Amino acid sequence: MTTLTHTQQPLTSQPNLFQRFLDWMVEAFVISNLNLSRREQIEALEAKTDAELAEMGIRRDMIAHHVFHDLYYA
């Protein structure tokens, strides 16, 4: 007769688990800061006059496209 035993490994025996959690937290923080930065860029561009935007080569309806262009054409 064969007896199977199940032993549960303690969390400390999985060193990558904590590191993966830390990596996830850092990535979430970076993404959050990038989104905040992009939002600030949008607000700054929206505060400009149409003439200022035209000097920059940006139409008012294309502000979001201008700020997020690297995500679409990367």
N, C-alpha and C. Protein backbone atom coordinates (compact mmCIF):
# COMPACT_ATOMS: atom_id res chain seq x y z
N MET A 1 0.84 -1.17 0.00
CA MET A 1 0.00 0.00 0.00
C MET A 1 0.89 1.24 0.00
N THR A 2 0.49 2.20 -0.83
CA THR A 2 1.27 3.43 -0.96
C THR A 2 0.59 4.53 -0.16
N THR A 3 1.39 5.25 0.59
CA THR A 3 0.87 6.38 1.36
C THR A 3 1.48 7.66 0.83
N LEU A 4 0.62 8.57 0.45
CA LEU A 4 1.07 9.88 -0.03
C LEU A 4 0.92 10.88 1.10
N THR A 5 1.95 11.63 1.31
CA THR A 5 1.86 12.69 2.32
C THR A 5 2.06 14.03 1.66
N HIS A 6 1.36 14.98 2.14
CA HIS A 6 1.44 16.34 1.60
C HIS A 6 2.09 17.22 2.66
N THR A 7 3.18 17.83 2.30
CA THR A 7 3.82 18.76 3.23
C THR A 7 3.76 20.15 2.63
N GLN A 8 3.32 21.07 3.40
CA GLN A 8 3.21 22.45 2.94
C GLN A 8 4.51 23.17 3.26
N GLN A 9 5.08 23.80 2.25
CA GLN A 9 6.32 24.54 2.46
C GLN A 9 6.00 25.90 3.06
N PRO A 10 6.80 26.33 4.01
CA PRO A 10 6.56 27.66 4.58
C PRO A 10 6.82 28.74 3.55
N LEU A 11 6.21 29.91 3.74
CA LEU A 11 6.35 31.03 2.82
C LEU A 11 7.80 31.46 2.66
N THR A 12 8.58 31.30 3.71
CA THR A 12 9.98 31.73 3.65
C THR A 12 10.81 30.87 2.72
N SER A 13 10.30 29.72 2.34
CA SER A 13 11.06 28.87 1.43
C SER A 13 10.86 29.30 -0.02
N GLN A 14 10.06 30.31 -0.24
CA GLN A 14 9.81 30.82 -1.58
C GLN A 14 10.38 32.23 -1.69
N PRO A 15 11.70 32.35 -1.90
CA PRO A 15 12.32 33.68 -1.88
C PRO A 15 11.83 34.57 -3.01
N ASN A 16 11.40 33.99 -4.11
CA ASN A 16 10.96 34.81 -5.23
C ASN A 16 9.59 35.45 -4.99
N LEU A 17 8.82 34.89 -4.12
CA LEU A 17 7.47 35.43 -3.87
C LEU A 17 7.55 36.86 -3.34
N PHE A 18 8.38 37.09 -2.35
CA PHE A 18 8.51 38.43 -1.79
C PHE A 18 9.11 39.39 -2.81
N GLN A 19 10.10 38.93 -3.56
CA GLN A 19 10.73 39.77 -4.57
C GLN A 19 9.75 40.13 -5.66
N ARG A 20 8.92 39.17 -6.07
CA ARG A 20 7.91 39.46 -7.10
C ARG A 20 6.90 40.48 -6.59
N PHE A 21 6.54 40.39 -5.31
CA PHE A 21 5.63 41.36 -4.73
C PHE A 21 6.25 42.76 -4.75
N LEU A 22 7.52 42.85 -4.35
CA LEU A 22 8.20 44.14 -4.37
C LEU A 22 8.31 44.70 -5.78
N ASP A 23 8.61 43.84 -6.75
CA ASP A 23 8.69 44.27 -8.14
C ASP A 23 7.34 44.81 -8.62
N TRP A 24 6.27 44.12 -8.23
CA TRP A 24 4.92 44.55 -8.61
C TRP A 24 4.61 45.92 -8.00
N MET A 25 4.99 46.12 -6.74
CA MET A 25 4.74 47.41 -6.07
C MET A 25 5.50 48.54 -6.76
N VAL A 26 6.74 48.29 -7.12
CA VAL A 26 7.54 49.32 -7.79
C VAL A 26 6.92 49.64 -9.14
N GLU A 27 6.53 48.61 -9.89
CA GLU A 27 5.92 48.84 -11.20
C GLU A 27 4.63 49.63 -11.07
N ALA A 28 3.80 49.31 -10.08
CA ALA A 28 2.55 50.04 -9.87
C ALA A 28 2.83 51.50 -9.53
N PHE A 29 3.85 51.74 -8.74
CA PHE A 29 4.22 53.11 -8.37
C PHE A 29 4.69 53.89 -9.59
N VAL A 30 5.50 53.27 -10.42
CA VAL A 30 6.01 53.94 -11.63
C VAL A 30 4.87 54.27 -12.58
N ILE A 31 3.97 53.31 -12.78
CA ILE A 31 2.83 53.54 -13.67
C ILE A 31 1.95 54.66 -13.14
N SER A 32 1.73 54.67 -11.84
CA SER A 32 0.92 55.72 -11.23
C SER A 32 1.55 57.09 -11.45
N ASN A 33 2.85 57.18 -11.26
CA ASN A 33 3.54 58.46 -11.47
C ASN A 33 3.53 58.89 -12.92
N LEU A 34 3.67 57.94 -13.84
CA LEU A 34 3.60 58.27 -15.26
C LEU A 34 2.23 58.82 -15.63
N ASN A 35 1.19 58.17 -15.11
CA ASN A 35 -0.17 58.64 -15.40
C ASN A 35 -0.41 60.02 -14.82
N LEU A 36 0.10 60.28 -13.63
CA LEU A 36 -0.06 61.60 -13.02
C LEU A 36 0.69 62.63 -13.85
N SER A 37 1.88 62.28 -14.28
CA SER A 37 2.68 63.20 -15.08
C SER A 37 1.97 63.52 -16.40
N ARG A 38 1.40 62.51 -17.03
CA ARG A 38 0.68 62.73 -18.29
C ARG A 38 -0.55 63.60 -18.05
N ARG A 39 -1.23 63.38 -16.95
CA ARG A 39 -2.41 64.19 -16.64
C ARG A 39 -1.99 65.65 -16.45
N GLU A 40 -0.86 65.86 -15.79
CA GLU A 40 -0.37 67.23 -15.61
C GLU A 40 0.00 67.86 -16.94
N GLN A 41 0.56 67.08 -17.86
CA GLN A 41 0.88 67.59 -19.19
C GLN A 41 -0.39 68.02 -19.92
N ILE A 42 -1.42 67.19 -19.83
CA ILE A 42 -2.69 67.50 -20.49
C ILE A 42 -3.26 68.80 -19.92
N GLU A 43 -3.26 68.92 -18.60
CA GLU A 43 -3.80 70.13 -17.97
C GLU A 43 -3.01 71.38 -18.38
N ALA A 44 -1.69 71.24 -18.47
CA ALA A 44 -0.85 72.38 -18.86
C ALA A 44 -1.15 72.78 -20.30
N LEU A 45 -1.31 71.80 -21.18
CA LEU A 45 -1.61 72.11 -22.58
C LEU A 45 -3.02 72.69 -22.73
N GLU A 46 -3.97 72.16 -21.96
CA GLU A 46 -5.34 72.69 -22.04
C GLU A 46 -5.42 74.13 -21.55
N ALA A 47 -4.50 74.53 -20.69
CA ALA A 47 -4.50 75.90 -20.16
C ALA A 47 -3.95 76.89 -21.18
N LYS A 48 -3.27 76.43 -22.21
CA LYS A 48 -2.69 77.32 -23.22
C LYS A 48 -3.78 77.83 -24.17
N THR A 49 -3.50 78.95 -24.78
CA THR A 49 -4.42 79.51 -25.76
C THR A 49 -4.28 78.73 -27.07
N ASP A 50 -5.25 78.90 -27.96
CA ASP A 50 -5.18 78.24 -29.26
C ASP A 50 -3.96 78.70 -30.05
N ALA A 51 -3.60 79.97 -29.89
CA ALA A 51 -2.42 80.49 -30.60
C ALA A 51 -1.14 79.82 -30.08
N GLU A 52 -1.04 79.65 -28.77
CA GLU A 52 0.14 78.98 -28.20
C GLU A 52 0.23 77.53 -28.67
N LEU A 53 -0.92 76.88 -28.69
CA LEU A 53 -0.94 75.49 -29.17
C LEU A 53 -0.55 75.42 -30.64
N ALA A 54 -1.04 76.38 -31.44
CA ALA A 54 -0.72 76.39 -32.87
C ALA A 54 0.78 76.57 -33.08
N GLU A 55 1.42 77.39 -32.25
CA GLU A 55 2.87 77.57 -32.34
C GLU A 55 3.61 76.26 -32.07
N MET A 56 3.02 75.43 -31.23
CA MET A 56 3.62 74.14 -30.89
C MET A 56 3.25 73.06 -31.90
N GLY A 57 2.33 73.41 -32.82
CA GLY A 57 1.89 72.43 -33.81
C GLY A 57 0.89 71.44 -33.28
N ILE A 58 0.12 71.85 -32.27
CA ILE A 58 -0.86 70.96 -31.63
C ILE A 58 -2.24 71.58 -31.74
N ARG A 59 -3.20 70.82 -32.22
CA ARG A 59 -4.59 71.28 -32.21
C ARG A 59 -5.19 70.90 -30.86
N ARG A 60 -6.13 71.71 -30.40
CA ARG A 60 -6.74 71.47 -29.10
C ARG A 60 -7.38 70.08 -29.01
N ASP A 61 -7.98 69.61 -30.08
CA ASP A 61 -8.63 68.30 -30.04
C ASP A 61 -7.63 67.14 -30.11
N MET A 62 -6.33 67.46 -30.28
CA MET A 62 -5.30 66.43 -30.38
C MET A 62 -4.35 66.43 -29.17
N ILE A 63 -4.73 67.13 -28.10
CA ILE A 63 -3.87 67.21 -26.92
C ILE A 63 -3.61 65.83 -26.34
N ALA A 64 -4.64 65.06 -26.11
CA ALA A 64 -4.47 63.72 -25.53
C ALA A 64 -3.61 62.84 -26.44
N HIS A 65 -3.85 62.94 -27.74
CA HIS A 65 -3.06 62.18 -28.70
C HIS A 65 -1.58 62.57 -28.61
N HIS A 66 -1.32 63.86 -28.50
CA HIS A 66 0.05 64.35 -28.39
C HIS A 66 0.73 63.80 -27.12
N VAL A 67 0.02 63.81 -26.00
CA VAL A 67 0.61 63.38 -24.73
C VAL A 67 0.83 61.86 -24.70
N PHE A 68 -0.08 61.10 -25.30
CA PHE A 68 0.00 59.64 -25.24
C PHE A 68 0.54 59.01 -26.53
N HIS A 69 1.14 59.81 -27.41
CA HIS A 69 1.57 59.29 -28.70
C HIS A 69 2.55 58.12 -28.61
N ASP A 70 3.39 58.10 -27.58
CA ASP A 70 4.36 57.01 -27.45
C ASP A 70 3.72 55.67 -27.14
N LEU A 71 2.53 55.68 -26.60
CA LEU A 71 1.83 54.43 -26.32
C LEU A 71 1.21 53.84 -27.58
N TYR A 72 0.87 54.69 -28.53
CA TYR A 72 0.23 54.23 -29.75
C TYR A 72 1.23 53.83 -30.82
N TYR A 73 2.36 54.52 -30.86
CA TYR A 73 3.31 54.31 -31.95
C TYR A 73 4.67 53.85 -31.45
N ALA A 74 4.69 53.18 -30.34
CA ALA A 74 5.99 52.71 -29.79
C ALA A 74 6.47 51.48 -30.51
